[in-house]
Amino acid sequence: MTEAVQINGANDTVAAAGGNSGYLVDAVLHGGPADLPQEIRAQRVHREERKVKIPHYGGHEHFERDAAAPGERAEVVFRWTGRTRLAE
């Protein structure tokens, strides 16, 4: 799973498990909280990635790849599947 983090105001994508950054593709995150910034919704992910986790207000927003999205699109679409809260 790819986890996006913000470092010094810029988006930086952490490599998938195993440390293999491999071939990256453009991805767009659909759904989720309305206050999730637009710049966070555009990501670069490994081409084989199926899930993305975004830290947001004391929890994580989870997105999964949309298999129904047309193959000729320039970006990969991930749909919001839910939210988890950080343990206290």
C-alpha atoms as a PDB file:
ATOM      1  CA  MET A   1       0.000   0.000   0.000  1.00  0.00           C
ATOM      2  CA  THR A   2       1.236   3.489  -0.769  1.00  0.00           C
ATOM      3  CA  GLU A   3       1.033   6.086   1.961  1.00  0.00           C
ATOM      4  CA  ALA A   4       1.229   9.710   0.929  1.00  0.00           C
ATOM      5  CA  VAL A   5       2.784  12.138   3.374  1.00  0.00           C
ATOM      6  CA  GLN A   6       3.323  15.883   3.366  1.00  0.00           C
ATOM      7  CA  ILE A   7       6.863  17.122   3.883  1.00  0.00           C
ATOM      8  CA  ASN A   8       7.502  20.883   3.991  1.00  0.00           C
ATOM      9  CA  GLY A   9       4.210  21.595   2.231  1.00  0.00           C
ATOM     10  CA  ALA A  10       4.916  19.325  -0.748  1.00  0.00           C
ATOM     11  CA  ASN A  11       3.453  15.911  -1.506  1.00  0.00           C
ATOM     12  CA  ASP A  12       5.889  13.043  -1.437  1.00  0.00           C
ATOM     13  CA  THR A  13       4.870   9.464  -2.124  1.00  0.00           C
ATOM     14  CA  VAL A  14       6.439   6.770   0.025  1.00  0.00           C
ATOM     15  CA  ALA A  15       7.464   3.608  -1.859  1.00  0.00           C
ATOM     16  CA  ALA A  16       5.281   0.533  -1.596  1.00  0.00           C
ATOM     17  CA  ALA A  17       6.185  -2.239   0.846  1.00  0.00           C
ATOM     18  CA  GLY A  18       9.524  -3.751  -0.106  1.00  0.00           C
ATOM     19  CA  GLY A  19      11.032  -0.388  -1.046  1.00  0.00           C
ATOM     20  CA  ASN A  20      10.553  -0.826  -4.800  1.00  0.00           C
ATOM     21  CA  SER A  21       9.563   2.528  -6.263  1.00  0.00           C
ATOM     22  CA  GLY A  22       9.422   0.979  -9.765  1.00  0.00           C
ATOM     23  CA  TYR A  23       7.326   2.580 -12.463  1.00  0.00           C
ATOM     24  CA  LEU A  24       5.123   5.428 -11.197  1.00  0.00           C
ATOM     25  CA  VAL A  25       1.839   6.551 -12.756  1.00  0.00           C
ATOM     26  CA  ASP A  26      -0.471   9.518 -12.152  1.00  0.00           C
ATOM     27  CA  ALA A  27      -3.404   8.756  -9.873  1.00  0.00           C
ATOM     28  CA  VAL A  28      -6.460  10.713  -8.801  1.00  0.00           C
ATOM     29  CA  LEU A  29      -8.383  10.108  -5.559  1.00  0.00           C
ATOM     30  CA  HIS A  30     -12.201  10.294  -5.797  1.00  0.00           C
ATOM     31  CA  GLY A  31     -14.617  10.575  -2.882  1.00  0.00           C
ATOM     32  CA  GLY A  32     -13.814  10.908   0.793  1.00  0.00           C
ATOM     33  CA  PRO A  33     -13.997  14.050   2.905  1.00  0.00           C
ATOM     34  CA  ALA A  34     -14.940  17.278   1.148  1.00  0.00           C
ATOM     35  CA  ASP A  35     -12.109  19.094   2.965  1.00  0.00           C
ATOM     36  CA  LEU A  36      -9.377  16.803   1.572  1.00  0.00           C
ATOM     37  CA  PRO A  37      -7.216  19.303  -0.368  1.00  0.00           C
ATOM     38  CA  GLN A  38      -7.281  19.062  -4.156  1.00  0.00           C
ATOM     39  CA  GLU A  39      -3.469  18.880  -4.293  1.00  0.00           C
ATOM     40  CA  ILE A  40      -3.602  15.728  -2.131  1.00  0.00           C
ATOM     41  CA  ARG A  41      -6.060  14.129  -4.553  1.00  0.00           C
ATOM     42  CA  ALA A  42      -3.390  14.029  -7.276  1.00  0.00           C
ATOM     43  CA  GLN A  43      -0.749  11.392  -6.484  1.00  0.00           C
ATOM     44  CA  ARG A  44       2.060   9.433  -8.126  1.00  0.00           C
ATOM     45  CA  VAL A  45       1.824   5.732  -7.272  1.00  0.00           C
ATOM     46  CA  HIS A  46       3.475   2.494  -8.352  1.00  0.00           C
ATOM     47  CA  ARG A  47       1.652   1.130 -11.403  1.00  0.00           C
ATOM     48  CA  GLU A  48       0.707  -2.085  -9.557  1.00  0.00           C
ATOM     49  CA  GLU A  49      -0.587  -0.322  -6.426  1.00  0.00           C
ATOM     50  CA  ARG A  50      -4.125  -1.260  -5.368  1.00  0.00           C
ATOM     51  CA  LYS A  51      -4.551   0.831  -2.183  1.00  0.00           C
ATOM     52  CA  VAL A  52      -3.575   4.332  -1.044  1.00  0.00           C
ATOM     53  CA  LYS A  53      -3.694   5.624   2.558  1.00  0.00           C
ATOM     54  CA  ILE A  54      -3.718   9.394   3.227  1.00  0.00           C
ATOM     55  CA  PRO A  55      -3.140  10.859   6.734  1.00  0.00           C
ATOM     56  CA  HIS A  56      -5.938  13.334   7.482  1.00  0.00           C
ATOM     57  CA  TYR A  57      -7.114  14.944  10.763  1.00  0.00           C
ATOM     58  CA  GLY A  58      -6.064  12.304  13.270  1.00  0.00           C
ATOM     59  CA  GLY A  59      -6.761   9.338  11.042  1.00  0.00           C
ATOM     60  CA  HIS A  60      -6.263   7.904   7.587  1.00  0.00           C
ATOM     61  CA  GLU A  61      -8.454   8.062   4.505  1.00  0.00           C
ATOM     62  CA  HIS A  62      -8.350   4.814   2.508  1.00  0.00           C
ATOM     63  CA  PHE A  63      -8.717   4.578  -1.259  1.00  0.00           C
ATOM     64  CA  GLU A  64      -8.753   1.504  -3.511  1.00  0.00           C
ATOM     65  CA  ARG A  65      -8.049   1.287  -7.207  1.00  0.00           C
ATOM     66  CA  ASP A  66     -11.138   1.439  -9.414  1.00  0.00           C
ATOM     67  CA  ALA A  67     -10.911  -1.581 -11.708  1.00  0.00           C
ATOM     68  CA  ALA A  68     -13.850  -0.271 -13.765  1.00  0.00           C
ATOM     69  CA  ALA A  69     -12.017   2.901 -14.828  1.00  0.00           C
ATOM     70  CA  PRO A  70     -11.289   2.954 -18.581  1.00  0.00           C
ATOM     71  CA  GLY A  71      -7.780   1.805 -19.526  1.00  0.00           C
ATOM     72  CA  GLU A  72      -7.137   4.695 -21.926  1.00  0.00           C
ATOM     73  CA  ARG A  73      -7.254   7.334 -19.165  1.00  0.00           C
ATOM     74  CA  ALA A  74      -4.032   9.169 -18.442  1.00  0.00           C
ATOM     75  CA  GLU A  75      -4.377   8.622 -14.692  1.00  0.00           C
ATOM     76  CA  VAL A  76      -5.401   5.727 -12.467  1.00  0.00           C
ATOM     77  CA  VAL A  77      -8.560   6.296 -10.395  1.00  0.00           C
ATOM     78  CA  PHE A  78      -8.758   5.360  -6.702  1.00  0.00           C
ATOM     79  CA  ARG A  79     -12.138   5.465  -4.915  1.00  0.00           C
ATOM     80  CA  TRP A  80     -12.586   6.260  -1.220  1.00  0.00           C
ATOM     81  CA  THR A  81     -13.428   3.158   0.820  1.00  0.00           C
ATOM     82  CA  GLY A  82     -13.363   4.459   4.385  1.00  0.00           C
ATOM     83  CA  ARG A  83     -11.555   6.104   7.254  1.00  0.00           C
ATOM     84  CA  THR A  84      -9.625   4.787  10.226  1.00  0.00           C
ATOM     85  CA  ARG A  85      -8.684   6.743  13.350  1.00  0.00           C
ATOM     86  CA  LEU A  86      -5.259   6.681  14.952  1.00  0.00           C
ATOM     87  CA  ALA A  87      -5.109   4.711  18.188  1.00  0.00           C
ATOM     88  CA  GLU A  88      -4.580   6.788  21.316  1.00  0.00           C
END
